[in-house]
Full PDB file with SEQRES, HELIX, SHEET, SSBOND, CRYST1, ORIGX, SCALE, CONECT and MASTER records, all heavy atoms in Angstrom:
SEQRES   1 A   41  PRO ALA THR ARG ARG LEU PHE PHE THR PRO GLN ILE ARG          
SEQRES   2 A   41  VAL SER GLU SER GLY THR ASN ASN THR MET ARG ALA PRO          
SEQRES   3 A   41  GLU LYS LEU SER PRO THR LEU SER TRP GLY LEU GLY TRP          
SEQRES   4 A   41  GLY LEU                                                      
HELIX    1 AA1 ALA A    2  ARG A    5  1                                   4    
HELIX    2 AA2 LEU A    6  PHE A    8  5                                   3    
SHEET    1 AA1 2 ILE A  12  SER A  15  0                                        
SHEET    2 AA1 2 LEU A  29  TRP A  35 -1                                        
CRYST1    1.000    1.000    1.000  90.00  90.00  90.00 P 1           1          
ORIGX1      1.000000  0.000000  0.000000        0.00000                         
ORIGX2      0.000000  1.000000  0.000000        0.00000                         
ORIGX3      0.000000  0.000000  1.000000        0.00000                         
SCALE1      1.000000  0.000000  0.000000        0.00000                         
SCALE2      0.000000  1.000000  0.000000        0.00000                         
SCALE3      0.000000  0.000000  1.000000        0.00000                         
ATOM      1  N   PRO A   1      -5.987  15.822   5.645  1.00  0.00           N  
ATOM      2  CA  PRO A   1      -5.785  16.758   4.507  1.00  0.00           C  
ATOM      3  C   PRO A   1      -4.708  16.251   3.499  1.00  0.00           C  
ATOM      4  O   PRO A   1      -4.957  16.372   2.222  1.00  0.00           O  
ATOM      5  CB  PRO A   1      -5.342  18.020   5.280  1.00  0.00           C  
ATOM      6  CG  PRO A   1      -5.995  17.953   6.488  1.00  0.00           C  
ATOM      7  CD  PRO A   1      -5.916  16.494   6.921  1.00  0.00           C  
ATOM      8  N   ALA A   2      -3.616  15.707   4.007  1.00  0.00           N  
ATOM      9  CA  ALA A   2      -2.646  15.163   3.094  1.00  0.00           C  
ATOM     10  C   ALA A   2      -3.079  13.977   2.222  1.00  0.00           C  
ATOM     11  O   ALA A   2      -2.810  13.954   1.022  1.00  0.00           O  
ATOM     12  CB  ALA A   2      -1.382  14.849   3.835  1.00  0.00           C  
ATOM     13  N   THR A   3      -3.976  13.243   2.849  1.00  0.00           N  
ATOM     14  CA  THR A   3      -4.557  12.088   2.067  1.00  0.00           C  
ATOM     15  C   THR A   3      -5.525  12.462   1.169  1.00  0.00           C  
ATOM     16  O   THR A   3      -5.544  12.092   0.050  1.00  0.00           O  
ATOM     17  CB  THR A   3      -5.078  11.021   3.173  1.00  0.00           C  
ATOM     18  OG1 THR A   3      -4.225  10.708   4.207  1.00  0.00           O  
ATOM     19  CG2 THR A   3      -5.642   9.827   2.435  1.00  0.00           C  
ATOM     20  N   ARG A   4      -6.386  13.456   1.506  1.00  0.00           N  
ATOM     21  CA  ARG A   4      -7.384  13.924   0.491  1.00  0.00           C  
ATOM     22  C   ARG A   4      -6.685  14.547  -0.792  1.00  0.00           C  
ATOM     23  O   ARG A   4      -7.048  14.370  -1.920  1.00  0.00           O  
ATOM     24  CB  ARG A   4      -8.221  15.160   1.183  1.00  0.00           C  
ATOM     25  CG  ARG A   4      -9.173  15.847   0.255  1.00  0.00           C  
ATOM     26  CD  ARG A   4      -9.714  17.076   0.901  1.00  0.00           C  
ATOM     27  NE  ARG A   4     -10.494  17.873  -0.044  1.00  0.00           N  
ATOM     28  CZ  ARG A   4     -10.083  18.771  -0.772  1.00  0.00           C  
ATOM     29  NH1 ARG A   4      -8.765  19.163  -0.725  1.00  0.00           N  
ATOM     30  NH2 ARG A   4     -10.942  19.474  -1.608  1.00  0.00           N  
ATOM     31  N   ARG A   5      -5.464  15.282  -0.486  1.00  0.00           N  
ATOM     32  CA  ARG A   5      -4.758  15.812  -1.559  1.00  0.00           C  
ATOM     33  C   ARG A   5      -4.389  14.741  -2.675  1.00  0.00           C  
ATOM     34  O   ARG A   5      -4.271  15.044  -3.750  1.00  0.00           O  
ATOM     35  CB  ARG A   5      -3.503  16.511  -1.157  1.00  0.00           C  
ATOM     36  CG  ARG A   5      -3.720  17.822  -0.320  1.00  0.00           C  
ATOM     37  CD  ARG A   5      -4.548  18.853  -1.127  1.00  0.00           C  
ATOM     38  NE  ARG A   5      -3.986  19.038  -2.545  1.00  0.00           N  
ATOM     39  CZ  ARG A   5      -4.709  19.537  -3.524  1.00  0.00           C  
ATOM     40  NH1 ARG A   5      -5.934  19.888  -3.289  1.00  0.00           N  
ATOM     41  NH2 ARG A   5      -4.109  19.583  -4.661  1.00  0.00           N  
ATOM     42  N   LEU A   6      -4.185  13.526  -2.220  1.00  0.00           N  
ATOM     43  CA  LEU A   6      -3.859  12.534  -3.138  1.00  0.00           C  
ATOM     44  C   LEU A   6      -4.826  12.240  -4.281  1.00  0.00           C  
ATOM     45  O   LEU A   6      -4.657  11.751  -5.289  1.00  0.00           O  
ATOM     46  CB  LEU A   6      -3.623  11.157  -2.426  1.00  0.00           C  
ATOM     47  CG  LEU A   6      -2.288  11.219  -1.416  1.00  0.00           C  
ATOM     48  CD1 LEU A   6      -2.221   9.925  -0.642  1.00  0.00           C  
ATOM     49  CD2 LEU A   6      -1.101  11.413  -2.272  1.00  0.00           C  
ATOM     50  N   PHE A   7      -6.167  12.539  -3.841  1.00  0.00           N  
ATOM     51  CA  PHE A   7      -7.349  12.349  -4.817  1.00  0.00           C  
ATOM     52  C   PHE A   7      -7.022  13.120  -6.011  1.00  0.00           C  
ATOM     53  O   PHE A   7      -7.133  12.888  -7.258  1.00  0.00           O  
ATOM     54  CB  PHE A   7      -8.520  12.812  -4.268  1.00  0.00           C  
ATOM     55  CG  PHE A   7      -9.421  11.756  -3.780  1.00  0.00           C  
ATOM     56  CD1 PHE A   7     -10.286  12.070  -2.606  1.00  0.00           C  
ATOM     57  CD2 PHE A   7      -9.568  10.569  -4.208  1.00  0.00           C  
ATOM     58  CE1 PHE A   7     -11.128  11.155  -2.150  1.00  0.00           C  
ATOM     59  CE2 PHE A   7     -10.496   9.604  -3.851  1.00  0.00           C  
ATOM     60  CZ  PHE A   7     -11.318   9.890  -2.727  1.00  0.00           C  
ATOM     61  N   PHE A   8      -6.392  14.334  -5.809  1.00  0.00           N  
ATOM     62  CA  PHE A   8      -6.195  15.341  -6.890  1.00  0.00           C  
ATOM     63  C   PHE A   8      -4.886  15.627  -7.373  1.00  0.00           C  
ATOM     64  O   PHE A   8      -4.523  16.573  -8.009  1.00  0.00           O  
ATOM     65  CB  PHE A   8      -6.867  16.727  -6.449  1.00  0.00           C  
ATOM     66  CG  PHE A   8      -8.155  16.564  -5.669  1.00  0.00           C  
ATOM     67  CD1 PHE A   8      -8.359  16.941  -4.441  1.00  0.00           C  
ATOM     68  CD2 PHE A   8      -9.225  15.956  -6.521  1.00  0.00           C  
ATOM     69  CE1 PHE A   8      -9.636  16.750  -3.796  1.00  0.00           C  
ATOM     70  CE2 PHE A   8     -10.492  15.712  -5.885  1.00  0.00           C  
ATOM     71  CZ  PHE A   8     -10.681  16.149  -4.537  1.00  0.00           C  
ATOM     72  N   THR A   9      -4.019  14.753  -6.961  1.00  0.00           N  
ATOM     73  CA  THR A   9      -2.534  14.849  -7.330  1.00  0.00           C  
ATOM     74  C   THR A   9      -2.362  13.905  -8.537  1.00  0.00           C  
ATOM     75  O   THR A   9      -2.468  12.726  -8.438  1.00  0.00           O  
ATOM     76  CB  THR A   9      -1.545  14.439  -6.124  1.00  0.00           C  
ATOM     77  OG1 THR A   9      -1.820  15.204  -5.136  1.00  0.00           O  
ATOM     78  CG2 THR A   9      -0.192  14.544  -6.561  1.00  0.00           C  
ATOM     79  N   PRO A  10      -1.949  14.466  -9.685  1.00  0.00           N  
ATOM     80  CA  PRO A  10      -1.744  13.658 -10.855  1.00  0.00           C  
ATOM     81  C   PRO A  10      -0.660  12.526 -10.553  1.00  0.00           C  
ATOM     82  O   PRO A  10       0.445  12.869 -10.131  1.00  0.00           O  
ATOM     83  CB  PRO A  10      -1.222  14.643 -11.964  1.00  0.00           C  
ATOM     84  CG  PRO A  10      -1.775  16.022 -11.465  1.00  0.00           C  
ATOM     85  CD  PRO A  10      -1.734  15.874 -10.006  1.00  0.00           C  
ATOM     86  N   GLN A  11      -0.885  11.331 -10.947  1.00  0.00           N  
ATOM     87  CA  GLN A  11      -0.148  10.297 -10.826  1.00  0.00           C  
ATOM     88  C   GLN A  11       0.409   9.821 -12.117  1.00  0.00           C  
ATOM     89  O   GLN A  11       1.637   9.230 -12.220  1.00  0.00           O  
ATOM     90  CB  GLN A  11      -0.865   9.069 -10.100  1.00  0.00           C  
ATOM     91  CG  GLN A  11      -1.511   9.315  -8.874  1.00  0.00           C  
ATOM     92  CD  GLN A  11      -0.583   9.534  -7.825  1.00  0.00           C  
ATOM     93  OE1 GLN A  11       0.335   8.842  -7.449  1.00  0.00           O  
ATOM     94  NE2 GLN A  11      -0.867  10.622  -7.000  1.00  0.00           N  
ATOM     95  N   ILE A  12      -0.247   9.928 -13.172  1.00  0.00           N  
ATOM     96  CA  ILE A  12       0.072   9.565 -14.511  1.00  0.00           C  
ATOM     97  C   ILE A  12      -0.597  10.408 -15.675  1.00  0.00           C  
ATOM     98  O   ILE A  12      -1.877  10.596 -15.345  1.00  0.00           O  
ATOM     99  CB  ILE A  12      -0.169   7.958 -14.752  1.00  0.00           C  
ATOM    100  CG1 ILE A  12       0.533   7.480 -15.982  1.00  0.00           C  
ATOM    101  CG2 ILE A  12      -1.575   7.619 -14.570  1.00  0.00           C  
ATOM    102  CD1 ILE A  12       2.037   7.147 -15.769  1.00  0.00           C  
ATOM    103  N   ARG A  13       0.035  10.691 -16.576  1.00  0.00           N  
ATOM    104  CA  ARG A  13      -0.895  11.416 -17.696  1.00  0.00           C  
ATOM    105  C   ARG A  13      -1.408  10.335 -18.698  1.00  0.00           C  
ATOM    106  O   ARG A  13      -0.703   9.203 -18.815  1.00  0.00           O  
ATOM    107  CB  ARG A  13       0.179  12.282 -18.583  1.00  0.00           C  
ATOM    108  CG  ARG A  13       0.519  13.460 -17.760  1.00  0.00           C  
ATOM    109  CD  ARG A  13       1.561  14.199 -18.543  1.00  0.00           C  
ATOM    110  NE  ARG A  13       1.158  14.897 -19.746  1.00  0.00           N  
ATOM    111  CZ  ARG A  13       1.940  15.519 -20.717  1.00  0.00           C  
ATOM    112  NH1 ARG A  13       3.335  15.244 -20.505  1.00  0.00           N  
ATOM    113  NH2 ARG A  13       1.432  15.932 -21.742  1.00  0.00           N  
ATOM    114  N   VAL A  14      -2.527  10.595 -19.184  1.00  0.00           N  
ATOM    115  CA  VAL A  14      -3.168   9.561 -20.024  1.00  0.00           C  
ATOM    116  C   VAL A  14      -2.839   9.748 -21.512  1.00  0.00           C  
ATOM    117  O   VAL A  14      -2.368  10.915 -21.901  1.00  0.00           O  
ATOM    118  CB  VAL A  14      -4.643   9.709 -19.838  1.00  0.00           C  
ATOM    119  CG1 VAL A  14      -5.142   9.527 -18.405  1.00  0.00           C  
ATOM    120  CG2 VAL A  14      -5.333  10.907 -20.380  1.00  0.00           C  
ATOM    121  N   SER A  15      -3.058   8.758 -22.284  1.00  0.00           N  
ATOM    122  CA  SER A  15      -2.770   8.753 -23.745  1.00  0.00           C  
ATOM    123  C   SER A  15      -3.978   9.549 -24.365  1.00  0.00           C  
ATOM    124  O   SER A  15      -5.091   9.401 -24.089  1.00  0.00           O  
ATOM    125  CB  SER A  15      -2.871   7.296 -24.238  1.00  0.00           C  
ATOM    126  OG  SER A  15      -2.731   7.476 -25.716  1.00  0.00           O  
ATOM    127  N   GLU A  16      -3.466  10.283 -25.433  1.00  0.00           N  
ATOM    128  CA  GLU A  16      -4.570  11.009 -26.215  1.00  0.00           C  
ATOM    129  C   GLU A  16      -5.404  10.076 -26.903  1.00  0.00           C  
ATOM    130  O   GLU A  16      -6.550  10.390 -27.335  1.00  0.00           O  
ATOM    131  CB  GLU A  16      -3.816  12.018 -27.255  1.00  0.00           C  
ATOM    132  CG  GLU A  16      -3.371  13.199 -26.543  1.00  0.00           C  
ATOM    133  CD  GLU A  16      -3.173  14.425 -27.647  1.00  0.00           C  
ATOM    134  OE1 GLU A  16      -3.043  14.146 -28.733  1.00  0.00           O  
ATOM    135  OE2 GLU A  16      -3.063  15.568 -27.151  1.00  0.00           O  
ATOM    136  N   SER A  17      -4.942   8.824 -27.192  1.00  0.00           N  
ATOM    137  CA  SER A  17      -5.676   7.733 -28.080  1.00  0.00           C  
ATOM    138  C   SER A  17      -6.831   7.245 -27.298  1.00  0.00           C  
ATOM    139  O   SER A  17      -7.771   6.721 -27.871  1.00  0.00           O  
ATOM    140  CB  SER A  17      -4.733   6.894 -28.415  1.00  0.00           C  
ATOM    141  OG  SER A  17      -4.224   6.001 -27.386  1.00  0.00           O  
ATOM    142  N   GLY A  18      -6.813   7.352 -25.963  1.00  0.00           N  
ATOM    143  CA  GLY A  18      -8.065   6.759 -25.191  1.00  0.00           C  
ATOM    144  C   GLY A  18      -7.537   5.960 -23.968  1.00  0.00           C  
ATOM    145  O   GLY A  18      -6.403   5.897 -23.508  1.00  0.00           O  
ATOM    146  N   THR A  19      -8.520   5.116 -23.580  1.00  0.00           N  
ATOM    147  CA  THR A  19      -8.401   4.399 -22.187  1.00  0.00           C  
ATOM    148  C   THR A  19      -7.634   3.177 -22.230  1.00  0.00           C  
ATOM    149  O   THR A  19      -6.934   2.876 -21.223  1.00  0.00           O  
ATOM    150  CB  THR A  19      -9.784   4.007 -21.649  1.00  0.00           C  
ATOM    151  OG1 THR A  19     -10.406   3.172 -22.551  1.00  0.00           O  
ATOM    152  CG2 THR A  19     -10.631   5.246 -21.632  1.00  0.00           C  
ATOM    153  N   ASN A  20      -7.506   2.605 -23.373  1.00  0.00           N  
ATOM    154  CA  ASN A  20      -6.854   1.180 -23.453  1.00  0.00           C  
ATOM    155  C   ASN A  20      -5.453   1.224 -24.058  1.00  0.00           C  
ATOM    156  O   ASN A  20      -5.301   1.514 -25.166  1.00  0.00           O  
ATOM    157  CB  ASN A  20      -7.747   0.075 -24.232  1.00  0.00           C  
ATOM    158  CG  ASN A  20      -7.165  -1.275 -24.176  1.00  0.00           C  
ATOM    159  OD1 ASN A  20      -6.012  -1.451 -23.785  1.00  0.00           O  
ATOM    160  ND2 ASN A  20      -8.056  -2.201 -24.645  1.00  0.00           N  
ATOM    161  N   ASN A  21      -4.491   0.990 -23.277  1.00  0.00           N  
ATOM    162  CA  ASN A  21      -3.162   1.000 -23.654  1.00  0.00           C  
ATOM    163  C   ASN A  21      -2.310  -0.134 -23.214  1.00  0.00           C  
ATOM    164  O   ASN A  21      -1.066  -0.140 -22.892  1.00  0.00           O  
ATOM    165  CB  ASN A  21      -2.420   2.216 -23.181  1.00  0.00           C  
ATOM    166  CG  ASN A  21      -3.003   3.543 -23.811  1.00  0.00           C  
ATOM    167  OD1 ASN A  21      -2.853   3.944 -24.840  1.00  0.00           O  
ATOM    168  ND2 ASN A  21      -3.882   4.106 -22.892  1.00  0.00           N  
ATOM    169  N   THR A  22      -3.000  -1.335 -23.273  1.00  0.00           N  
ATOM    170  CA  THR A  22      -2.359  -2.590 -22.562  1.00  0.00           C  
ATOM    171  C   THR A  22      -1.241  -3.111 -23.861  1.00  0.00           C  
ATOM    172  O   THR A  22      -0.289  -3.544 -23.331  1.00  0.00           O  
ATOM    173  CB  THR A  22      -3.363  -3.683 -22.458  1.00  0.00           C  
ATOM    174  OG1 THR A  22      -4.080  -3.838 -23.566  1.00  0.00           O  
ATOM    175  CG2 THR A  22      -4.336  -3.424 -21.340  1.00  0.00           C  
ATOM    176  N   MET A  23      -1.557  -2.929 -25.001  1.00  0.00           N  
ATOM    177  CA  MET A  23      -0.665  -3.564 -26.015  1.00  0.00           C  
ATOM    178  C   MET A  23       0.437  -2.699 -26.478  1.00  0.00           C  
ATOM    179  O   MET A  23       1.473  -3.289 -27.076  1.00  0.00           O  
ATOM    180  CB  MET A  23      -1.561  -4.084 -27.212  1.00  0.00           C  
ATOM    181  CG  MET A  23      -2.797  -4.933 -26.854  1.00  0.00           C  
ATOM    182  SD  MET A  23      -2.353  -6.241 -25.835  1.00  0.00           S  
ATOM    183  CE  MET A  23      -1.290  -7.328 -26.900  1.00  0.00           C  
ATOM    184  N   ARG A  24       0.334  -1.356 -26.252  1.00  0.00           N  
ATOM    185  CA  ARG A  24       1.631  -0.618 -26.673  1.00  0.00           C  
ATOM    186  C   ARG A  24       1.422   0.637 -25.936  1.00  0.00           C  
ATOM    187  O   ARG A  24       0.483   1.190 -25.452  1.00  0.00           O  
ATOM    188  CB  ARG A  24       1.431  -0.230 -28.162  1.00  0.00           C  
ATOM    189  CG  ARG A  24       0.170   0.450 -28.610  1.00  0.00           C  
ATOM    190  CD  ARG A  24       0.123   0.607 -30.180  1.00  0.00           C  
ATOM    191  NE  ARG A  24      -1.273   1.227 -30.587  1.00  0.00           N  
ATOM    192  CZ  ARG A  24      -2.295   0.461 -30.790  1.00  0.00           C  
ATOM    193  NH1 ARG A  24      -2.300  -0.848 -30.540  1.00  0.00           N  
ATOM    194  NH2 ARG A  24      -3.487   1.114 -31.071  1.00  0.00           N  
ATOM    195  N   ALA A  25       2.688   1.294 -25.694  1.00  0.00           N  
ATOM    196  CA  ALA A  25       2.869   2.562 -25.052  1.00  0.00           C  
ATOM    197  C   ALA A  25       2.121   3.653 -25.951  1.00  0.00           C  
ATOM    198  O   ALA A  25       2.071   3.661 -27.034  1.00  0.00           O  
ATOM    199  CB  ALA A  25       4.197   2.821 -24.941  1.00  0.00           C  
ATOM    200  N   PRO A  26       1.544   4.666 -25.193  1.00  0.00           N  
ATOM    201  CA  PRO A  26       0.897   5.849 -25.875  1.00  0.00           C  
ATOM    202  C   PRO A  26       1.865   6.493 -26.742  1.00  0.00           C  
ATOM    203  O   PRO A  26       3.196   6.711 -26.498  1.00  0.00           O  
ATOM    204  CB  PRO A  26       0.548   6.666 -24.771  1.00  0.00           C  
ATOM    205  CG  PRO A  26       0.476   5.856 -23.653  1.00  0.00           C  
ATOM    206  CD  PRO A  26       1.479   4.810 -23.871  1.00  0.00           C  
ATOM    207  N   GLU A  27       1.454   6.968 -27.965  1.00  0.00           N  
ATOM    208  CA  GLU A  27       2.247   7.702 -28.912  1.00  0.00           C  
ATOM    209  C   GLU A  27       2.330   9.163 -28.435  1.00  0.00           C  
ATOM    210  O   GLU A  27       3.365   9.869 -28.627  1.00  0.00           O  
ATOM    211  CB  GLU A  27       1.665   7.630 -30.343  1.00  0.00           C  
ATOM    212  CG  GLU A  27       1.821   6.188 -30.954  1.00  0.00           C  
ATOM    213  CD  GLU A  27       1.259   6.145 -32.256  1.00  0.00           C  
ATOM    214  OE1 GLU A  27       0.838   7.285 -32.821  1.00  0.00           O  
ATOM    215  OE2 GLU A  27       1.330   5.104 -32.982  1.00  0.00           O  
ATOM    216  N   LYS A  28       1.262   9.655 -27.904  1.00  0.00           N  
ATOM    217  CA  LYS A  28       1.235  11.104 -27.408  1.00  0.00           C  
ATOM    218  C   LYS A  28       0.388  11.192 -26.189  1.00  0.00           C  
ATOM    219  O   LYS A  28      -0.684  10.628 -26.076  1.00  0.00           O  
ATOM    220  CB  LYS A  28       0.676  12.030 -28.504  1.00  0.00           C  
ATOM    221  CG  LYS A  28       0.783  13.430 -28.194  1.00  0.00           C  
ATOM    222  CD  LYS A  28       0.169  14.231 -29.396  1.00  0.00           C  
ATOM    223  CE  LYS A  28       0.332  15.710 -29.102  1.00  0.00           C  
ATOM    224  NZ  LYS A  28      -0.233  16.531 -30.302  1.00  0.00           N  
ATOM    225  N   LEU A  29       0.931  11.861 -25.214  1.00  0.00           N  
ATOM    226  CA  LEU A  29       0.190  11.947 -23.895  1.00  0.00           C  
ATOM    227  C   LEU A  29      -0.575  13.287 -23.996  1.00  0.00           C  
ATOM    228  O   LEU A  29      -0.192  14.265 -24.560  1.00  0.00           O  
ATOM    229  CB  LEU A  29       1.228  12.047 -22.680  1.00  0.00           C  
ATOM    230  CG  LEU A  29       2.042  10.795 -22.512  1.00  0.00           C  
ATOM    231  CD1 LEU A  29       3.026  11.106 -21.345  1.00  0.00           C  
ATOM    232  CD2 LEU A  29       1.100   9.596 -22.165  1.00  0.00           C  
ATOM    233  N   SER A  30      -1.722  13.355 -23.216  1.00  0.00           N  
ATOM    234  CA  SER A  30      -2.655  14.382 -23.182  1.00  0.00           C  
ATOM    235  C   SER A  30      -1.986  15.558 -22.555  1.00  0.00           C  
ATOM    236  O   SER A  30      -1.441  15.397 -21.382  1.00  0.00           O  
ATOM    237  CB  SER A  30      -3.948  14.023 -22.608  1.00  0.00           C  
ATOM    238  OG  SER A  30      -4.716  15.168 -22.384  1.00  0.00           O  
ATOM    239  N   PRO A  31      -2.047  16.745 -22.972  1.00  0.00           N  
ATOM    240  CA  PRO A  31      -1.640  17.878 -22.270  1.00  0.00           C  
ATOM    241  C   PRO A  31      -2.469  18.383 -21.133  1.00  0.00           C  
ATOM    242  O   PRO A  31      -2.096  19.100 -20.181  1.00  0.00           O  
ATOM    243  CB  PRO A  31      -1.475  19.003 -23.317  1.00  0.00           C  
ATOM    244  CG  PRO A  31      -2.576  18.612 -24.205  1.00  0.00           C  
ATOM    245  CD  PRO A  31      -2.595  17.048 -24.290  1.00  0.00           C  
ATOM    246  N   THR A  32      -3.870  17.879 -21.091  1.00  0.00           N  
ATOM    247  CA  THR A  32      -4.787  18.428 -20.167  1.00  0.00           C  
ATOM    248  C   THR A  32      -5.290  17.336 -19.240  1.00  0.00           C  
ATOM    249  O   THR A  32      -5.927  17.734 -18.191  1.00  0.00           O  
ATOM    250  CB  THR A  32      -6.072  18.997 -21.000  1.00  0.00           C  
ATOM    251  OG1 THR A  32      -6.428  18.120 -21.770  1.00  0.00           O  
ATOM    252  CG2 THR A  32      -5.575  20.273 -21.749  1.00  0.00           C  
ATOM    253  N   LEU A  33      -5.196  16.026 -19.457  1.00  0.00           N  
ATOM    254  CA  LEU A  33      -5.745  15.036 -18.741  1.00  0.00           C  
ATOM    255  C   LEU A  33      -4.760  14.146 -18.050  1.00  0.00           C  
ATOM    256  O   LEU A  33      -3.678  13.697 -18.726  1.00  0.00           O  
ATOM    257  CB  LEU A  33      -6.681  14.139 -19.614  1.00  0.00           C  
ATOM    258  CG  LEU A  33      -7.824  14.866 -20.334  1.00  0.00           C  
ATOM    259  CD1 LEU A  33      -8.477  13.973 -21.297  1.00  0.00           C  
ATOM    260  CD2 LEU A  33      -8.847  15.435 -19.313  1.00  0.00           C  
ATOM    261  N   SER A  34      -5.050  13.859 -16.887  1.00  0.00           N  
ATOM    262  CA  SER A  34      -4.133  12.908 -16.039  1.00  0.00           C  
ATOM    263  C   SER A  34      -5.052  12.012 -15.069  1.00  0.00           C  
ATOM    264  O   SER A  34      -6.226  12.157 -15.185  1.00  0.00           O  
ATOM    265  CB  SER A  34      -3.110  13.638 -15.156  1.00  0.00           C  
ATOM    266  OG  SER A  34      -3.660  14.530 -14.472  1.00  0.00           O  
ATOM    267  N   TRP A  35      -4.460  11.204 -14.358  1.00  0.00           N  
ATOM    268  CA  TRP A  35      -5.233  10.405 -13.362  1.00  0.00           C  
ATOM    269  C   TRP A  35      -4.670  10.560 -12.095  1.00  0.00           C  
ATOM    270  O   TRP A  35      -3.490  10.436 -11.860  1.00  0.00           O  
ATOM    271  CB  TRP A  35      -5.280   8.999 -13.880  1.00  0.00           C  
ATOM    272  CG  TRP A  35      -6.698   8.326 -13.515  1.00  0.00           C  
ATOM    273  CD1 TRP A  35      -7.062   7.621 -12.422  1.00  0.00           C  
ATOM    274  CD2 TRP A  35      -7.709   8.348 -14.355  1.00  0.00           C  
ATOM    275  NE1 TRP A  35      -8.356   7.260 -12.448  1.00  0.00           N  
ATOM    276  CE2 TRP A  35      -8.814   7.649 -13.728  1.00  0.00           C  
ATOM    277  CE3 TRP A  35      -8.032   9.031 -15.645  1.00  0.00           C  
ATOM    278  CZ2 TRP A  35     -10.155   7.667 -14.237  1.00  0.00           C  
ATOM    279  CZ3 TRP A  35      -9.227   8.838 -16.118  1.00  0.00           C  
ATOM    280  CH2 TRP A  35     -10.356   8.225 -15.490  1.00  0.00           C  
ATOM    281  N   GLY A  36      -5.497  10.796 -10.995  1.00  0.00           N  
ATOM    282  CA  GLY A  36      -5.166  10.824  -9.598  1.00  0.00           C  
ATOM    283  C   GLY A  36      -5.318   9.469  -9.079  1.00  0.00           C  
ATOM    284  O   GLY A  36      -5.159   8.391  -9.622  1.00  0.00           O  
ATOM    285  N   LEU A  37      -5.798   9.399  -7.814  1.00  0.00           N  
ATOM    286  CA  LEU A  37      -6.188   8.098  -7.198  1.00  0.00           C  
ATOM    287  C   LEU A  37      -7.676   8.061  -7.139  1.00  0.00           C  
ATOM    288  O   LEU A  37      -8.303   8.474  -6.227  1.00  0.00           O  
ATOM    289  CB  LEU A  37      -5.623   8.085  -5.673  1.00  0.00           C  
ATOM    290  CG  LEU A  37      -4.073   8.043  -5.619  1.00  0.00           C  
ATOM    291  CD1 LEU A  37      -3.625   7.964  -4.193  1.00  0.00           C  
ATOM    292  CD2 LEU A  37      -3.331   7.039  -6.502  1.00  0.00           C  
ATOM    293  N   GLY A  38      -8.191   7.220  -8.127  1.00  0.00           N  
ATOM    294  CA  GLY A  38      -9.494   7.068  -8.278  1.00  0.00           C  
ATOM    295  C   GLY A  38     -10.269   7.973  -9.190  1.00  0.00           C  
ATOM    296  O   GLY A  38     -11.400   7.589  -9.590  1.00  0.00           O  
ATOM    297  N   TRP A  39      -9.682   9.050  -9.400  1.00  0.00           N  
ATOM    298  CA  TRP A  39     -10.337  10.076 -10.264  1.00  0.00           C  
ATOM    299  C   TRP A  39      -9.574  10.556 -11.534  1.00  0.00           C  
ATOM    300  O   TRP A  39      -8.321  10.400 -11.591  1.00  0.00           O  
ATOM    301  CB  TRP A  39     -10.531  11.408  -9.466  1.00  0.00           C  
ATOM    302  CG  TRP A  39     -11.534  11.360  -8.321  1.00  0.00           C  
ATOM    303  CD1 TRP A  39     -11.182  11.301  -7.040  1.00  0.00           C  
ATOM    304  CD2 TRP A  39     -12.942  11.281  -8.359  1.00  0.00           C  
ATOM    305  NE1 TRP A  39     -12.114  11.176  -6.205  1.00  0.00           N  
ATOM    306  CE2 TRP A  39     -13.424  11.260  -7.145  1.00  0.00           C  
ATOM    307  CE3 TRP A  39     -13.857  11.380  -9.395  1.00  0.00           C  
ATOM    308  CZ2 TRP A  39     -14.765  11.232  -6.767  1.00  0.00           C  
ATOM    309  CZ3 TRP A  39     -15.163  11.272  -9.036  1.00  0.00           C  
ATOM    310  CH2 TRP A  39     -15.550  11.154  -7.789  1.00  0.00           C  
ATOM    311  N   GLY A  40     -10.299  10.732 -12.699  1.00  0.00           N  
ATOM    312  CA  GLY A  40      -9.625  11.523 -13.745  1.00  0.00           C  
ATOM    313  C   GLY A  40      -9.469  12.908 -13.375  1.00  0.00           C  
ATOM    314  O   GLY A  40     -10.378  13.459 -12.678  1.00  0.00           O  
ATOM    315  N   LEU A  41      -8.452  13.680 -13.832  1.00  0.00           N  
ATOM    316  CA  LEU A  41      -8.225  15.089 -13.549  1.00  0.00           C  
ATOM    317  C   LEU A  41      -8.144  15.720 -15.000  1.00  0.00           C  
ATOM    318  O   LEU A  41      -7.380  15.225 -15.845  1.00  0.00           O  
ATOM    319  CB  LEU A  41      -6.987  15.112 -12.720  1.00  0.00           C  
ATOM    320  CG  LEU A  41      -6.889  14.411 -11.449  1.00  0.00           C  
ATOM    321  CD1 LEU A  41      -5.497  14.646 -10.784  1.00  0.00           C  
ATOM    322  CD2 LEU A  41      -7.948  14.921 -10.480  1.00  0.00           C  
TER     323      LEU A  41                                                      
MASTER        0    0    0    2    2    0    0    6  322    1    0    4          
END                                                                             
């Protein structure tokens, strides 16, 4: 059960600008979207 919860535990918020942020840090983070372990949330 504790491991399953990791699927749905936000690890990092994503950038509003999209998926690719290798070259610069996000200017604004999404208020509704984050990433768990393997899944978008």
